[in-house]
Amino acid sequence: MSSLTPFHLAIAVTNLEQSRQFYGKLLGCSQGRSTEHWIDYDFFGHQLVCHTAGKAQDASCKNPVDGKHVPVPHFGVVLEIPQWRALRDKLIAAKVEFVVEPYIRFEGKVGEQATMFFYDPSGNALEFKAFKDIEAELFKK
């Protein structure tokens, strides 16, 4: 797989201190620059910026996938399996409420992947996934 450059994503949050706790402490993202209105994070090698906004995200839009209700929009990263398992265990220990509980999708088939969905404190939906064979399966049809 070719080397990817980092993406930049700016999201709305309702409370910067809750964002510090969630992205910094829980997910382990290191904090970069910040002001009283926004915070930069190293989001698994990508730039995530949390901007304060007056209201939470609308979490009501969902699409059916594998019989589960997947929130739209959502963002996240593809991790290696050991990283995914460690994050899953950390989130479970922290009693994070999952929108879609951690599970293996397409088990034993092409495209096998671990996935989980949850919300940040401002209602932004996140998905973290890991492929059994990322080189062969990430962008395959």
C-alpha atoms as a PDB file:
ATOM      1  CA  MET A   1       0.000   0.000   0.000  1.00  0.00           C
ATOM      2  CA  SER A   2       1.309   3.478  -0.776  1.00  0.00           C
ATOM      3  CA  SER A   3       2.188   5.955   1.926  1.00  0.00           C
ATOM      4  CA  LEU A   4      -0.763   8.151   2.805  1.00  0.00           C
ATOM      5  CA  THR A   5      -0.587  11.799   3.740  1.00  0.00           C
ATOM      6  CA  PRO A   6      -2.544  12.906   6.809  1.00  0.00           C
ATOM      7  CA  PHE A   7      -6.075  14.154   6.375  1.00  0.00           C
ATOM      8  CA  HIS A   8      -7.449  17.257   8.122  1.00  0.00           C
ATOM      9  CA  LEU A   9     -10.902  17.108   9.662  1.00  0.00           C
ATOM     10  CA  ALA A  10     -12.615  19.861  11.647  1.00  0.00           C
ATOM     11  CA  ILE A  11     -15.615  18.897  13.777  1.00  0.00           C
ATOM     12  CA  ALA A  12     -18.060  20.785  15.963  1.00  0.00           C
ATOM     13  CA  VAL A  13     -17.998  20.120  19.704  1.00  0.00           C
ATOM     14  CA  THR A  14     -20.045  21.641  22.488  1.00  0.00           C
ATOM     15  CA  ASN A  15     -17.409  21.602  25.231  1.00  0.00           C
ATOM     16  CA  LEU A  16     -13.619  21.756  24.816  1.00  0.00           C
ATOM     17  CA  GLU A  17     -12.909  20.265  28.248  1.00  0.00           C
ATOM     18  CA  GLN A  18     -15.057  17.214  27.434  1.00  0.00           C
ATOM     19  CA  SER A  19     -13.178  16.975  24.134  1.00  0.00           C
ATOM     20  CA  ARG A  20      -9.851  17.038  26.001  1.00  0.00           C
ATOM     21  CA  GLN A  21     -11.040  14.200  28.212  1.00  0.00           C
ATOM     22  CA  PHE A  22     -12.434  12.154  25.312  1.00  0.00           C
ATOM     23  CA  TYR A  23      -9.864  12.665  22.542  1.00  0.00           C
ATOM     24  CA  GLY A  24      -6.852  13.348  24.740  1.00  0.00           C
ATOM     25  CA  LYS A  25      -7.311  11.090  27.767  1.00  0.00           C
ATOM     26  CA  LEU A  26      -9.605   8.295  26.545  1.00  0.00           C
ATOM     27  CA  LEU A  27      -8.441   7.905  22.935  1.00  0.00           C
ATOM     28  CA  GLY A  28      -4.860   8.964  23.727  1.00  0.00           C
ATOM     29  CA  CYS A  29      -4.555  11.624  21.019  1.00  0.00           C
ATOM     30  CA  SER A  30      -1.831  14.153  21.712  1.00  0.00           C
ATOM     31  CA  GLN A  31      -2.923  17.775  21.764  1.00  0.00           C
ATOM     32  CA  GLY A  32      -1.357  20.335  19.464  1.00  0.00           C
ATOM     33  CA  ARG A  33      -2.169  24.018  19.196  1.00  0.00           C
ATOM     34  CA  SER A  34      -5.288  25.403  20.793  1.00  0.00           C
ATOM     35  CA  THR A  35      -7.199  28.564  21.615  1.00  0.00           C
ATOM     36  CA  GLU A  36     -10.261  29.135  23.752  1.00  0.00           C
ATOM     37  CA  HIS A  37     -12.373  28.082  20.724  1.00  0.00           C
ATOM     38  CA  TRP A  38     -10.551  25.093  19.184  1.00  0.00           C
ATOM     39  CA  ILE A  39      -8.035  22.300  19.824  1.00  0.00           C
ATOM     40  CA  ASP A  40      -5.805  20.425  17.344  1.00  0.00           C
ATOM     41  CA  TYR A  41      -5.212  16.705  17.937  1.00  0.00           C
ATOM     42  CA  ASP A  42      -2.902  14.124  16.430  1.00  0.00           C
ATOM     43  CA  PHE A  43      -5.705  11.684  15.591  1.00  0.00           C
ATOM     44  CA  PHE A  44      -3.735   8.516  14.833  1.00  0.00           C
ATOM     45  CA  GLY A  45      -1.423  10.446  12.509  1.00  0.00           C
ATOM     46  CA  HIS A  46      -4.087  12.780  11.130  1.00  0.00           C
ATOM     47  CA  GLN A  47      -5.093  16.318  12.090  1.00  0.00           C
ATOM     48  CA  LEU A  48      -8.408  16.559  13.923  1.00  0.00           C
ATOM     49  CA  VAL A  49      -9.593  19.983  15.028  1.00  0.00           C
ATOM     50  CA  CYS A  50     -12.394  20.328  17.576  1.00  0.00           C
ATOM     51  CA  HIS A  51     -14.173  23.676  17.186  1.00  0.00           C
ATOM     52  CA  THR A  52     -16.687  24.852  19.762  1.00  0.00           C
ATOM     53  CA  ALA A  53     -20.250  25.116  18.484  1.00  0.00           C
ATOM     54  CA  GLY A  54     -23.485  26.012  20.178  1.00  0.00           C
ATOM     55  CA  LYS A  55     -25.288  22.709  19.706  1.00  0.00           C
ATOM     56  CA  ALA A  56     -24.615  18.994  19.603  1.00  0.00           C
ATOM     57  CA  GLN A  57     -24.537  17.003  16.387  1.00  0.00           C
ATOM     58  CA  ASP A  58     -27.744  15.413  15.116  1.00  0.00           C
ATOM     59  CA  ALA A  59     -27.263  11.734  15.876  1.00  0.00           C
ATOM     60  CA  SER A  60     -30.581  10.588  14.438  1.00  0.00           C
ATOM     61  CA  CYS A  61     -29.499   9.721  10.865  1.00  0.00           C
ATOM     62  CA  LYS A  62     -28.578   6.042  10.533  1.00  0.00           C
ATOM     63  CA  ASN A  63     -28.283   3.517   7.708  1.00  0.00           C
ATOM     64  CA  PRO A  64     -28.765  -0.252   7.991  1.00  0.00           C
ATOM     65  CA  VAL A  65     -25.524  -2.227   7.565  1.00  0.00           C
ATOM     66  CA  ASP A  66     -25.354  -5.932   8.462  1.00  0.00           C
ATOM     67  CA  GLY A  67     -28.596  -5.567  10.402  1.00  0.00           C
ATOM     68  CA  LYS A  68     -27.113  -2.793  12.554  1.00  0.00           C
ATOM     69  CA  HIS A  69     -27.957   0.924  12.578  1.00  0.00           C
ATOM     70  CA  VAL A  70     -24.795   2.765  11.483  1.00  0.00           C
ATOM     71  CA  PRO A  71     -24.690   6.501  12.234  1.00  0.00           C
ATOM     72  CA  VAL A  72     -24.225   8.838   9.271  1.00  0.00           C
ATOM     73  CA  PRO A  73     -22.041  10.800   9.053  1.00  0.00           C
ATOM     74  CA  HIS A  74     -19.163   9.193  10.947  1.00  0.00           C
ATOM     75  CA  PHE A  75     -15.376   9.225  10.861  1.00  0.00           C
ATOM     76  CA  GLY A  76     -12.521   7.230  12.314  1.00  0.00           C
ATOM     77  CA  VAL A  77      -9.423   5.318  11.349  1.00  0.00           C
ATOM     78  CA  VAL A  78      -8.344   1.872  10.244  1.00  0.00           C
ATOM     79  CA  LEU A  79      -6.040   0.349  12.849  1.00  0.00           C
ATOM     80  CA  GLU A  80      -3.960  -2.799  13.007  1.00  0.00           C
ATOM     81  CA  ILE A  81      -5.800  -5.667  14.755  1.00  0.00           C
ATOM     82  CA  PRO A  82      -3.754  -5.443  18.008  1.00  0.00           C
ATOM     83  CA  GLN A  83      -4.352  -1.655  18.206  1.00  0.00           C
ATOM     84  CA  TRP A  84      -8.064  -2.164  17.561  1.00  0.00           C
ATOM     85  CA  ARG A  85      -8.337  -4.801  20.295  1.00  0.00           C
ATOM     86  CA  ALA A  86      -6.459  -2.582  22.776  1.00  0.00           C
ATOM     87  CA  LEU A  87      -8.736   0.378  22.006  1.00  0.00           C
ATOM     88  CA  ARG A  88     -11.843  -1.835  22.236  1.00  0.00           C
ATOM     89  CA  ASP A  89     -10.734  -3.092  25.648  1.00  0.00           C
ATOM     90  CA  LYS A  90      -9.968   0.450  26.838  1.00  0.00           C
ATOM     91  CA  LEU A  91     -13.391   1.697  25.717  1.00  0.00           C
ATOM     92  CA  ILE A  92     -15.167  -1.226  27.375  1.00  0.00           C
ATOM     93  CA  ALA A  93     -13.242  -0.619  30.622  1.00  0.00           C
ATOM     94  CA  ALA A  94     -14.225   3.072  30.444  1.00  0.00           C
ATOM     95  CA  LYS A  95     -17.874   1.988  30.007  1.00  0.00           C
ATOM     96  CA  VAL A  96     -18.250   3.792  26.676  1.00  0.00           C
ATOM     97  CA  GLU A  97     -21.716   3.222  25.228  1.00  0.00           C
ATOM     98  CA  PHE A  98     -21.396   1.707  21.771  1.00  0.00           C
ATOM     99  CA  VAL A  99     -23.798   2.505  18.937  1.00  0.00           C
ATOM    100  CA  VAL A 100     -22.592  -0.709  17.293  1.00  0.00           C
ATOM    101  CA  GLU A 101     -20.856  -3.080  19.695  1.00  0.00           C
ATOM    102  CA  PRO A 102     -17.389  -4.298  18.663  1.00  0.00           C
ATOM    103  CA  TYR A 103     -17.710  -7.300  16.347  1.00  0.00           C
ATOM    104  CA  ILE A 104     -16.117  -9.076  13.395  1.00  0.00           C
ATOM    105  CA  ARG A 105     -17.801  -8.352  10.076  1.00  0.00           C
ATOM    106  CA  PHE A 106     -17.543 -10.814   7.148  1.00  0.00           C
ATOM    107  CA  GLU A 107     -15.911 -13.362   9.456  1.00  0.00           C
ATOM    108  CA  GLY A 108     -14.066 -16.014   7.460  1.00  0.00           C
ATOM    109  CA  LYS A 109     -14.754 -14.202   4.162  1.00  0.00           C
ATOM    110  CA  VAL A 110     -12.977 -11.709   1.927  1.00  0.00           C
ATOM    111  CA  GLY A 111     -13.063  -8.318   3.635  1.00  0.00           C
ATOM    112  CA  GLU A 112     -13.046  -9.700   7.199  1.00  0.00           C
ATOM    113  CA  GLN A 113     -12.805  -6.749   9.564  1.00  0.00           C
ATOM    114  CA  ALA A 114     -13.285  -5.768  13.166  1.00  0.00           C
ATOM    115  CA  THR A 115     -15.466  -2.710  13.678  1.00  0.00           C
ATOM    116  CA  MET A 116     -17.124  -0.623  16.393  1.00  0.00           C
ATOM    117  CA  PHE A 117     -19.083   2.632  16.507  1.00  0.00           C
ATOM    118  CA  PHE A 118     -19.562   5.116  19.348  1.00  0.00           C
ATOM    119  CA  TYR A 119     -20.210   8.830  19.908  1.00  0.00           C
ATOM    120  CA  ASP A 120     -17.991  11.512  21.376  1.00  0.00           C
ATOM    121  CA  PRO A 121     -19.519  13.755  24.102  1.00  0.00           C
ATOM    122  CA  SER A 122     -20.791  16.181  21.416  1.00  0.00           C
ATOM    123  CA  GLY A 123     -22.591  13.529  19.383  1.00  0.00           C
ATOM    124  CA  ASN A 124     -19.977  13.025  16.655  1.00  0.00           C
ATOM    125  CA  ALA A 125     -20.062   9.395  15.504  1.00  0.00           C
ATOM    126  CA  LEU A 126     -16.772   7.509  15.254  1.00  0.00           C
ATOM    127  CA  GLU A 127     -15.935   4.153  13.687  1.00  0.00           C
ATOM    128  CA  PHE A 128     -12.726   2.275  14.330  1.00  0.00           C
ATOM    129  CA  LYS A 129     -12.001  -0.767  12.215  1.00  0.00           C
ATOM    130  CA  ALA A 130      -9.208  -3.216  11.478  1.00  0.00           C
ATOM    131  CA  PHE A 131      -8.898  -5.608   8.543  1.00  0.00           C
ATOM    132  CA  LYS A 132      -7.649  -9.163   8.803  1.00  0.00           C
ATOM    133  CA  ASP A 133      -5.535  -8.416   5.683  1.00  0.00           C
ATOM    134  CA  ILE A 134      -5.428  -4.656   5.122  1.00  0.00           C
ATOM    135  CA  GLU A 135      -3.130  -4.852   2.084  1.00  0.00           C
ATOM    136  CA  ALA A 136      -5.532  -7.111   0.206  1.00  0.00           C
ATOM    137  CA  GLU A 137      -8.870  -5.807   1.436  1.00  0.00           C
ATOM    138  CA  LEU A 138      -9.008  -2.103   2.323  1.00  0.00           C
ATOM    139  CA  PHE A 139     -10.028  -0.770  -1.103  1.00  0.00           C
ATOM    140  CA  LYS A 140     -11.276  -3.947  -2.775  1.00  0.00           C
ATOM    141  CA  LYS A 141     -14.774  -4.291  -4.184  1.00  0.00           C
END
